[in-house]
Amino acid sequence: MRIAVVSIVLDEPRDVQEQVNKIIADNKDIIRGRMGLPLNEEDVSIISLAVIGENDQINALTGKLGAIDQVNVKTSFSKKEI
Protein backbone atom coordinates (compact mmCIF):
# COMPACT_ATOMS: atom_id res chain seq x y z
CA MET A 1 0.00 0.00 0.00
CA ARG A 2 1.12 3.56 -0.68
CA ILE A 3 0.50 6.96 0.81
CA ALA A 4 -0.20 9.78 -1.63
CA VAL A 5 -1.54 13.29 -1.94
CA VAL A 6 -3.93 13.99 -4.80
CA SER A 7 -4.22 17.63 -5.89
CA ILE A 8 -7.31 18.54 -7.87
CA VAL A 9 -8.02 21.87 -9.55
CA LEU A 10 -11.53 22.52 -10.81
CA ASP A 11 -11.94 25.21 -13.44
CA GLU A 12 -15.59 26.30 -13.50
CA PRO A 13 -16.36 24.26 -10.37
CA ARG A 14 -20.13 24.72 -10.60
CA ASP A 15 -20.09 22.70 -13.81
CA VAL A 16 -18.09 19.73 -12.47
CA GLN A 17 -18.36 19.63 -8.67
CA GLU A 18 -21.19 17.09 -8.64
CA GLN A 19 -19.19 14.62 -10.77
CA VAL A 20 -16.02 15.18 -8.72
CA ASN A 21 -17.81 14.74 -5.39
CA LYS A 22 -19.44 11.51 -6.57
CA ILE A 23 -16.09 10.02 -7.56
CA ILE A 24 -14.55 11.09 -4.25
CA ALA A 25 -17.48 9.58 -2.32
CA ASP A 26 -17.20 6.34 -4.31
CA ASN A 27 -13.54 6.07 -3.20
CA LYS A 28 -13.99 7.02 0.45
CA ASP A 29 -12.38 3.75 1.57
CA ILE A 30 -8.90 4.99 0.53
CA ILE A 31 -9.36 8.67 1.42
CA ARG A 32 -7.99 9.64 4.84
CA GLY A 33 -8.40 13.41 4.58
CA ARG A 34 -9.83 16.09 2.36
CA MET A 35 -9.27 19.83 2.21
CA GLY A 36 -11.12 22.15 -0.14
CA LEU A 37 -10.42 25.74 -1.01
CA PRO A 38 -13.02 27.60 -3.08
CA LEU A 39 -11.61 30.59 -4.97
CA ASN A 40 -14.95 32.16 -5.82
CA GLU A 41 -13.63 35.34 -7.44
CA GLU A 42 -11.43 33.29 -9.76
CA ASP A 43 -14.16 30.67 -10.38
CA VAL A 44 -11.73 27.89 -9.41
CA SER A 45 -11.74 25.33 -6.58
CA ILE A 46 -8.80 23.39 -5.20
CA ILE A 47 -9.16 20.05 -3.43
CA SER A 48 -6.38 18.07 -1.75
CA LEU A 49 -6.87 14.44 -0.79
CA ALA A 50 -4.66 12.37 1.49
CA VAL A 51 -5.01 8.75 0.39
CA ILE A 52 -3.70 5.34 1.41
CA GLY A 53 -4.23 2.43 -0.95
CA GLU A 54 -2.82 0.19 -3.61
CA ASN A 55 -1.32 1.85 -6.68
CA ASP A 56 -4.20 0.55 -8.81
CA GLN A 57 -6.81 2.06 -6.47
CA ILE A 58 -5.13 5.46 -6.39
CA ASN A 59 -4.56 5.46 -10.14
CA ALA A 60 -8.19 4.50 -10.78
CA LEU A 61 -9.35 7.43 -8.62
CA THR A 62 -7.08 9.94 -10.35
CA GLY A 63 -7.87 8.55 -13.78
CA LYS A 64 -11.60 9.04 -13.29
CA LEU A 65 -11.09 12.56 -11.96
CA GLY A 66 -8.68 13.50 -14.74
CA ALA A 67 -11.12 12.32 -17.40
CA ILE A 68 -13.54 15.10 -16.48
CA ASP A 69 -13.24 18.25 -18.59
CA GLN A 70 -12.15 21.29 -16.57
CA VAL A 71 -10.48 19.09 -13.91
CA ASN A 72 -6.69 18.87 -13.53
CA VAL A 73 -5.16 16.21 -11.27
CA LYS A 74 -1.63 15.60 -9.99
CA THR A 75 -0.52 12.92 -7.54
CA SER A 76 2.53 12.73 -5.30
CA PHE A 77 3.40 9.32 -3.89
CA SER A 78 5.46 8.60 -0.82
CA LYS A 79 8.51 6.46 -1.58
CA LYS A 80 7.68 4.36 1.47
CA GLU A 81 5.42 1.35 1.10
CA ILE A 82 3.28 0.34 4.06
PDB file of N, CA and C in Angstrom:
ATOM      1  N   MET A   1       0.842  -1.170   0.000  1.00  0.00           N
ATOM      2  CA  MET A   1       0.000   0.000   0.000  1.00  0.00           C
ATOM      3  C   MET A   1       0.890   1.237   0.000  1.00  0.00           C
ATOM      4  N   ARG A   2       0.365   2.306  -0.549  1.00  0.00           N
ATOM      5  CA  ARG A   2       1.123   3.556  -0.676  1.00  0.00           C
ATOM      6  C   ARG A   2       0.336   4.708  -0.084  1.00  0.00           C
ATOM      7  N   ILE A   3       1.076   5.707   0.353  1.00  0.00           N
ATOM      8  CA  ILE A   3       0.499   6.963   0.814  1.00  0.00           C
ATOM      9  C   ILE A   3       0.705   7.975  -0.296  1.00  0.00           C
ATOM     10  N   ALA A   4      -0.313   8.786  -0.569  1.00  0.00           N
ATOM     11  CA  ALA A   4      -0.200   9.782  -1.633  1.00  0.00           C
ATOM     12  C   ALA A   4      -1.058  10.999  -1.310  1.00  0.00           C
ATOM     13  N   VAL A   5      -0.731  12.080  -1.983  1.00  0.00           N
ATOM     14  CA  VAL A   5      -1.543  13.290  -1.945  1.00  0.00           C
ATOM     15  C   VAL A   5      -2.030  13.543  -3.363  1.00  0.00           C
ATOM     16  N   VAL A   6      -3.330  13.722  -3.493  1.00  0.00           N
ATOM     17  CA  VAL A   6      -3.933  13.995  -4.798  1.00  0.00           C
ATOM     18  C   VAL A   6      -4.377  15.456  -4.798  1.00  0.00           C
ATOM     19  N   SER A   7      -3.854  16.220  -5.742  1.00  0.00           N
ATOM     20  CA  SER A   7      -4.222  17.630  -5.885  1.00  0.00           C
ATOM     21  C   SER A   7      -5.154  17.761  -7.077  1.00  0.00           C
ATOM     22  N   ILE A   8      -6.282  18.416  -6.837  1.00  0.00           N
ATOM     23  CA  ILE A   8      -7.315  18.535  -7.871  1.00  0.00           C
ATOM     24  C   ILE A   8      -7.665  20.012  -8.031  1.00  0.00           C
ATOM     25  N   VAL A   9      -7.622  20.496  -9.260  1.00  0.00           N
ATOM     26  CA  VAL A   9      -8.016  21.875  -9.554  1.00  0.00           C
ATOM     27  C   VAL A   9      -9.225  21.822 -10.473  1.00  0.00           C
ATOM     28  N   LEU A  10     -10.302  22.470 -10.030  1.00  0.00           N
ATOM     29  CA  LEU A  10     -11.533  22.518 -10.807  1.00  0.00           C
ATOM     30  C   LEU A  10     -11.675  23.901 -11.417  1.00  0.00           C
ATOM     31  N   ASP A  11     -11.616  23.974 -12.734  1.00  0.00           N
ATOM     32  CA  ASP A  11     -11.941  25.206 -13.444  1.00  0.00           C
ATOM     33  C   ASP A  11     -13.454  25.176 -13.655  1.00  0.00           C
ATOM     34  N   GLU A  12     -14.126  26.270 -13.414  1.00  0.00           N
ATOM     35  CA  GLU A  12     -15.591  26.302 -13.504  1.00  0.00           C
ATOM     36  C   GLU A  12     -16.195  25.241 -12.579  1.00  0.00           C
ATOM     37  N   PRO A  13     -15.946  25.326 -11.277  1.00  0.00           N
ATOM     38  CA  PRO A  13     -16.360  24.262 -10.369  1.00  0.00           C
ATOM     39  C   PRO A  13     -17.861  23.982 -10.354  1.00  0.00           C
ATOM     40  N   ARG A  14     -18.684  24.965 -10.601  1.00  0.00           N
ATOM     41  CA  ARG A  14     -20.134  24.716 -10.596  1.00  0.00           C
ATOM     42  C   ARG A  14     -20.532  23.685 -11.648  1.00  0.00           C
ATOM     43  N   ASP A  15     -19.763  23.626 -12.729  1.00  0.00           N
ATOM     44  CA  ASP A  15     -20.085  22.699 -13.814  1.00  0.00           C
ATOM     45  C   ASP A  15     -19.671  21.253 -13.510  1.00  0.00           C
ATOM     46  N   VAL A  16     -18.658  21.067 -12.645  1.00  0.00           N
ATOM     47  CA  VAL A  16     -18.085  19.726 -12.470  1.00  0.00           C
ATOM     48  C   VAL A  16     -18.108  19.216 -11.034  1.00  0.00           C
ATOM     49  N   GLN A  17     -18.499  20.048 -10.062  1.00  0.00           N
ATOM     50  CA  GLN A  17     -18.364  19.633  -8.667  1.00  0.00           C
ATOM     51  C   GLN A  17     -19.210  18.409  -8.321  1.00  0.00           C
ATOM     52  N   GLU A  18     -20.356  18.258  -8.934  1.00  0.00           N
ATOM     53  CA  GLU A  18     -21.192  17.088  -8.644  1.00  0.00           C
ATOM     54  C   GLU A  18     -20.495  15.802  -9.078  1.00  0.00           C
ATOM     55  N   GLN A  19     -19.922  15.795 -10.285  1.00  0.00           N
ATOM     56  CA  GLN A  19     -19.190  14.620 -10.770  1.00  0.00           C
ATOM     57  C   GLN A  19     -17.990  14.319  -9.880  1.00  0.00           C
ATOM     58  N   VAL A  20     -17.221  15.355  -9.537  1.00  0.00           N
ATOM     59  CA  VAL A  20     -16.023  15.177  -8.718  1.00  0.00           C
ATOM     60  C   VAL A  20     -16.401  14.625  -7.348  1.00  0.00           C
ATOM     61  N   ASN A  21     -17.409  15.201  -6.715  1.00  0.00           N
ATOM     62  CA  ASN A  21     -17.814  14.739  -5.387  1.00  0.00           C
ATOM     63  C   ASN A  21     -18.321  13.307  -5.399  1.00  0.00           C
ATOM     64  N   LYS A  22     -18.979  12.896  -6.471  1.00  0.00           N
ATOM     65  CA  LYS A  22     -19.442  11.506  -6.566  1.00  0.00           C
ATOM     66  C   LYS A  22     -18.262  10.551  -6.645  1.00  0.00           C
ATOM     67  N   ILE A  23     -17.271  10.881  -7.449  1.00  0.00           N
ATOM     68  CA  ILE A  23     -16.093  10.018  -7.565  1.00  0.00           C
ATOM     69  C   ILE A  23     -15.354   9.944  -6.232  1.00  0.00           C
ATOM     70  N   ILE A  24     -15.213  11.080  -5.562  1.00  0.00           N
ATOM     71  CA  ILE A  24     -14.552  11.087  -4.255  1.00  0.00           C
ATOM     72  C   ILE A  24     -15.343  10.228  -3.267  1.00  0.00           C
ATOM     73  N   ALA A  25     -16.651  10.371  -3.234  1.00  0.00           N
ATOM     74  CA  ALA A  25     -17.481   9.576  -2.321  1.00  0.00           C
ATOM     75  C   ALA A  25     -17.381   8.081  -2.629  1.00  0.00           C
ATOM     76  N   ASP A  26     -17.308   7.741  -3.910  1.00  0.00           N
ATOM     77  CA  ASP A  26     -17.196   6.336  -4.308  1.00  0.00           C
ATOM     78  C   ASP A  26     -15.862   5.719  -3.881  1.00  0.00           C
ATOM     79  N   ASN A  27     -14.876   6.546  -3.583  1.00  0.00           N
ATOM     80  CA  ASN A  27     -13.539   6.074  -3.203  1.00  0.00           C
ATOM     81  C   ASN A  27     -13.197   6.412  -1.756  1.00  0.00           C
ATOM     82  N   LYS A  28     -14.210   6.600  -0.933  1.00  0.00           N
ATOM     83  CA  LYS A  28     -13.993   7.024   0.446  1.00  0.00           C
ATOM     84  C   LYS A  28     -13.172   6.030   1.255  1.00  0.00           C
ATOM     85  N   ASP A  29     -13.122   4.772   0.832  1.00  0.00           N
ATOM     86  CA  ASP A  29     -12.378   3.755   1.572  1.00  0.00           C
ATOM     87  C   ASP A  29     -10.867   3.983   1.547  1.00  0.00           C
ATOM     88  N   ILE A  30     -10.347   4.712   0.566  1.00  0.00           N
ATOM     89  CA  ILE A  30      -8.902   4.987   0.530  1.00  0.00           C
ATOM     90  C   ILE A  30      -8.573   6.428   0.917  1.00  0.00           C
ATOM     91  N   ILE A  31      -9.581   7.254   1.106  1.00  0.00           N
ATOM     92  CA  ILE A  31      -9.356   8.670   1.420  1.00  0.00           C
ATOM     93  C   ILE A  31      -9.293   8.850   2.932  1.00  0.00           C
ATOM     94  N   ARG A  32      -8.178   9.418   3.406  1.00  0.00           N
ATOM     95  CA  ARG A  32      -7.992   9.645   4.842  1.00  0.00           C
ATOM     96  C   ARG A  32      -8.235  11.093   5.233  1.00  0.00           C
ATOM     97  N   GLY A  33      -8.171  12.002   4.284  1.00  0.00           N
ATOM     98  CA  GLY A  33      -8.399  13.406   4.580  1.00  0.00           C
ATOM     99  C   GLY A  33      -8.699  14.178   3.316  1.00  0.00           C
ATOM    100  N   ARG A  34      -9.446  15.258   3.499  1.00  0.00           N
ATOM    101  CA  ARG A  34      -9.828  16.091   2.356  1.00  0.00           C
ATOM    102  C   ARG A  34      -9.818  17.547   2.792  1.00  0.00           C
ATOM    103  N   MET A  35      -9.249  18.399   1.959  1.00  0.00           N
ATOM    104  CA  MET A  35      -9.271  19.834   2.212  1.00  0.00           C
ATOM    105  C   MET A  35      -9.697  20.524   0.926  1.00  0.00           C
ATOM    106  N   GLY A  36     -10.651  21.416   1.031  1.00  0.00           N
ATOM    107  CA  GLY A  36     -11.122  22.149  -0.135  1.00  0.00           C
ATOM    108  C   GLY A  36     -10.947  23.641   0.048  1.00  0.00           C
ATOM    109  N   LEU A  37     -10.611  24.303  -1.026  1.00  0.00           N
ATOM    110  CA  LEU A  37     -10.418  25.744  -1.006  1.00  0.00           C
ATOM    111  C   LEU A  37     -11.145  26.345  -2.199  1.00  0.00           C
ATOM    112  N   PRO A  38     -12.324  26.948  -1.976  1.00  0.00           N
ATOM    113  CA  PRO A  38     -13.019  27.602  -3.081  1.00  0.00           C
ATOM    114  C   PRO A  38     -12.422  28.986  -3.328  1.00  0.00           C
ATOM    115  N   LEU A  39     -12.094  29.265  -4.555  1.00  0.00           N
ATOM    116  CA  LEU A  39     -11.611  30.588  -4.966  1.00  0.00           C
ATOM    117  C   LEU A  39     -12.717  31.198  -5.818  1.00  0.00           C
ATOM    118  N   ASN A  40     -13.730  31.720  -5.146  1.00  0.00           N
ATOM    119  CA  ASN A  40     -14.950  32.161  -5.823  1.00  0.00           C
ATOM    120  C   ASN A  40     -14.709  33.268  -6.834  1.00  0.00           C
ATOM    121  N   GLU A  41     -13.877  34.240  -6.509  1.00  0.00           N
ATOM    122  CA  GLU A  41     -13.635  35.343  -7.439  1.00  0.00           C
ATOM    123  C   GLU A  41     -12.954  34.875  -8.718  1.00  0.00           C
ATOM    124  N   GLU A  42     -12.137  33.828  -8.596  1.00  0.00           N
ATOM    125  CA  GLU A  42     -11.427  33.286  -9.765  1.00  0.00           C
ATOM    126  C   GLU A  42     -12.219  32.194 -10.462  1.00  0.00           C
ATOM    127  N   ASP A  43     -13.340  31.761  -9.867  1.00  0.00           N
ATOM    128  CA  ASP A  43     -14.161  30.667 -10.382  1.00  0.00           C
ATOM    129  C   ASP A  43     -13.343  29.383 -10.532  1.00  0.00           C
ATOM    130  N   VAL A  44     -12.581  29.085  -9.469  1.00  0.00           N
ATOM    131  CA  VAL A  44     -11.732  27.892  -9.407  1.00  0.00           C
ATOM    132  C   VAL A  44     -11.872  27.312  -8.004  1.00  0.00           C
ATOM    133  N   SER A  45     -11.801  25.999  -7.885  1.00  0.00           N
ATOM    134  CA  SER A  45     -11.740  25.335  -6.585  1.00  0.00           C
ATOM    135  C   SER A  45     -10.554  24.390  -6.563  1.00  0.00           C
ATOM    136  N   ILE A  46      -9.945  24.279  -5.395  1.00  0.00           N
ATOM    137  CA  ILE A  46      -8.804  23.389  -5.198  1.00  0.00           C
ATOM    138  C   ILE A  46      -9.184  22.376  -4.125  1.00  0.00           C
ATOM    139  N   ILE A  47      -8.915  21.113  -4.401  1.00  0.00           N
ATOM    140  CA  ILE A  47      -9.165  20.049  -3.435  1.00  0.00           C
ATOM    141  C   ILE A  47      -7.880  19.245  -3.290  1.00  0.00           C
ATOM    142  N   SER A  48      -7.514  18.957  -2.044  1.00  0.00           N
ATOM    143  CA  SER A  48      -6.384  18.071  -1.754  1.00  0.00           C
ATOM    144  C   SER A  48      -6.907  16.865  -1.006  1.00  0.00           C
ATOM    145  N   LEU A  49      -6.474  15.682  -1.439  1.00  0.00           N
ATOM    146  CA  LEU A  49      -6.871  14.440  -0.790  1.00  0.00           C
ATOM    147  C   LEU A  49      -5.633  13.713  -0.282  1.00  0.00           C
ATOM    148  N   ALA A  50      -5.674  13.275   0.958  1.00  0.00           N
ATOM    149  CA  ALA A  50      -4.657  12.367   1.492  1.00  0.00           C
ATOM    150  C   ALA A  50      -5.226  10.967   1.349  1.00  0.00           C
ATOM    151  N   VAL A  51      -4.498  10.092   0.660  1.00  0.00           N
ATOM    152  CA  VAL A  51      -5.011   8.751   0.387  1.00  0.00           C
ATOM    153  C   VAL A  51      -3.995   7.685   0.784  1.00  0.00           C
ATOM    154  N   ILE A  52      -4.520   6.526   1.155  1.00  0.00           N
ATOM    155  CA  ILE A  52      -3.702   5.341   1.405  1.00  0.00           C
ATOM    156  C   ILE A  52      -4.379   4.181   0.702  1.00  0.00           C
ATOM    157  N   GLY A  53      -3.654   3.554  -0.219  1.00  0.00           N
ATOM    158  CA  GLY A  53      -4.232   2.431  -0.947  1.00  0.00           C
ATOM    159  C   GLY A  53      -3.214   1.807  -1.876  1.00  0.00           C
ATOM    160  N   GLU A  54      -3.655   0.824  -2.589  1.00  0.00           N
ATOM    161  CA  GLU A  54      -2.815   0.187  -3.606  1.00  0.00           C
ATOM    162  C   GLU A  54      -2.657   1.146  -4.788  1.00  0.00           C
ATOM    163  N   ASN A  55      -1.558   1.004  -5.511  1.00  0.00           N
ATOM    164  CA  ASN A  55      -1.322   1.854  -6.678  1.00  0.00           C
ATOM    165  C   ASN A  55      -2.509   1.842  -7.631  1.00  0.00           C
ATOM    166  N   ASP A  56      -3.074   0.668  -7.882  1.00  0.00           N
ATOM    167  CA  ASP A  56      -4.198   0.551  -8.815  1.00  0.00           C
ATOM    168  C   ASP A  56      -5.410   1.341  -8.333  1.00  0.00           C
ATOM    169  N   GLN A  57      -5.674   1.321  -7.021  1.00  0.00           N
ATOM    170  CA  GLN A  57      -6.814   2.058  -6.474  1.00  0.00           C
ATOM    171  C   GLN A  57      -6.614   3.558  -6.635  1.00  0.00           C
ATOM    172  N   ILE A  58      -5.426   4.026  -6.298  1.00  0.00           N
ATOM    173  CA  ILE A  58      -5.134   5.458  -6.393  1.00  0.00           C
ATOM    174  C   ILE A  58      -5.162   5.908  -7.849  1.00  0.00           C
ATOM    175  N   ASN A  59      -4.571   5.110  -8.717  1.00  0.00           N
ATOM    176  CA  ASN A  59      -4.561   5.462 -10.139  1.00  0.00           C
ATOM    177  C   ASN A  59      -5.961   5.441 -10.747  1.00  0.00           C
ATOM    178  N   ALA A  60      -6.814   4.539 -10.288  1.00  0.00           N
ATOM    179  CA  ALA A  60      -8.194   4.504 -10.778  1.00  0.00           C
ATOM    180  C   ALA A  60      -8.930   5.777 -10.363  1.00  0.00           C
ATOM    181  N   LEU A  61      -8.728   6.195  -9.112  1.00  0.00           N
ATOM    182  CA  LEU A  61      -9.346   7.430  -8.624  1.00  0.00           C
ATOM    183  C   LEU A  61      -8.890   8.624  -9.452  1.00  0.00           C
ATOM    184  N   THR A  62      -7.592   8.772  -9.622  1.00  0.00           N
ATOM    185  CA  THR A  62      -7.077   9.939 -10.346  1.00  0.00           C
ATOM    186  C   THR A  62      -7.421   9.879 -11.830  1.00  0.00           C
ATOM    187  N   GLY A  63      -7.478   8.684 -12.380  1.00  0.00           N
ATOM    188  CA  GLY A  63      -7.866   8.548 -13.785  1.00  0.00           C
ATOM    189  C   GLY A  63      -9.289   8.999 -14.032  1.00  0.00           C
ATOM    190  N   LYS A  64     -10.198   8.625 -13.149  1.00  0.00           N
ATOM    191  CA  LYS A  64     -11.598   9.036 -13.290  1.00  0.00           C
ATOM    192  C   LYS A  64     -11.738  10.544 -13.137  1.00  0.00           C
ATOM    193  N   LEU A  65     -11.030  11.109 -12.154  1.00  0.00           N
ATOM    194  CA  LEU A  65     -11.087  12.558 -11.956  1.00  0.00           C
ATOM    195  C   LEU A  65     -10.493  13.301 -13.147  1.00  0.00           C
ATOM    196  N   GLY A  66      -9.359  12.839 -13.636  1.00  0.00           N
ATOM    197  CA  GLY A  66      -8.680  13.496 -14.739  1.00  0.00           C
ATOM    198  C   GLY A  66      -9.418  13.410 -16.060  1.00  0.00           C
ATOM    199  N   ALA A  67     -10.343  12.465 -16.163  1.00  0.00           N
ATOM    200  CA  ALA A  67     -11.115  12.319 -17.403  1.00  0.00           C
ATOM    201  C   ALA A  67     -12.222  13.361 -17.529  1.00  0.00           C
ATOM    202  N   ILE A  68     -12.492  14.079 -16.451  1.00  0.00           N
ATOM    203  CA  ILE A  68     -13.538  15.100 -16.476  1.00  0.00           C
ATOM    204  C   ILE A  68     -12.961  16.389 -17.064  1.00  0.00           C
ATOM    205  N   ASP A  69     -13.664  16.959 -18.045  1.00  0.00           N
ATOM    206  CA  ASP A  69     -13.241  18.249 -18.593  1.00  0.00           C
ATOM    207  C   ASP A  69     -13.214  19.275 -17.473  1.00  0.00           C
ATOM    208  N   GLN A  70     -12.303  20.196 -17.527  1.00  0.00           N
ATOM    209  CA  GLN A  70     -12.149  21.287 -16.566  1.00  0.00           C
ATOM    210  C   GLN A  70     -11.633  20.813 -15.209  1.00  0.00           C
ATOM    211  N   VAL A  71     -11.080  19.596 -15.144  1.00  0.00           N
ATOM    212  CA  VAL A  71     -10.481  19.085 -13.915  1.00  0.00           C
ATOM    213  C   VAL A  71      -9.044  18.685 -14.212  1.00  0.00           C
ATOM    214  N   ASN A  72      -8.110  19.196 -13.405  1.00  0.00           N
ATOM    215  CA  ASN A  72      -6.690  18.867 -13.526  1.00  0.00           C
ATOM    216  C   ASN A  72      -6.263  18.156 -12.255  1.00  0.00           C
ATOM    217  N   VAL A  73      -5.531  17.042 -12.409  1.00  0.00           N
ATOM    218  CA  VAL A  73      -5.161  16.208 -11.266  1.00  0.00           C
ATOM    219  C   VAL A  73      -3.666  15.909 -11.312  1.00  0.00           C
ATOM    220  N   LYS A  74      -3.029  16.005 -10.151  1.00  0.00           N
ATOM    221  CA  LYS A  74      -1.627  15.595  -9.991  1.00  0.00           C
ATOM    222  C   LYS A  74      -1.537  14.785  -8.707  1.00  0.00           C
ATOM    223  N   THR A  75      -0.675  13.779  -8.706  1.00  0.00           N
ATOM    224  CA  THR A  75      -0.521  12.917  -7.542  1.00  0.00           C
ATOM    225  C   THR A  75       0.940  12.838  -7.156  1.00  0.00           C
ATOM    226  N   SER A  76       1.190  12.919  -5.853  1.00  0.00           N
ATOM    227  CA  SER A  76       2.534  12.732  -5.304  1.00  0.00           C
ATOM    228  C   SER A  76       2.499  11.526  -4.381  1.00  0.00           C
ATOM    229  N   PHE A  77       3.340  10.529  -4.684  1.00  0.00           N
ATOM    230  CA  PHE A  77       3.402   9.316  -3.893  1.00  0.00           C
ATOM    231  C   PHE A  77       4.572   9.372  -2.922  1.00  0.00           C
ATOM    232  N   SER A  78       4.361   8.816  -1.743  1.00  0.00           N
ATOM    233  CA  SER A  78       5.461   8.604  -0.816  1.00  0.00           C
ATOM    234  C   SER A  78       6.327   7.490  -1.384  1.00  0.00           C
ATOM    235  N   LYS A  79       7.614   7.551  -1.141  1.00  0.00           N
ATOM    236  CA  LYS A  79       8.507   6.464  -1.584  1.00  0.00           C
ATOM    237  C   LYS A  79       8.374   5.241  -0.690  1.00  0.00           C
ATOM    238  N   LYS A  80       7.822   5.447   0.486  1.00  0.00           N
ATOM    239  CA  LYS A  80       7.679   4.361   1.466  1.00  0.00           C
ATOM    240  C   LYS A  80       6.429   3.556   1.174  1.00  0.00           C
ATOM    241  N   GLU A  81       6.583   2.242   1.209  1.00  0.00           N
ATOM    242  CA  GLU A  81       5.425   1.350   1.101  1.00  0.00           C
ATOM    243  C   GLU A  81       5.046   0.889   2.494  1.00  0.00           C
ATOM    244  N   ILE A  82       3.731   0.778   2.737  1.00  0.00           N
ATOM    245  CA  ILE A  82       3.280   0.343   4.060  1.00  0.00           C
ATOM    246  C   ILE A  82       2.483  -0.940   3.942  1.00  0.00           C
TER     247      ILE A  82
END
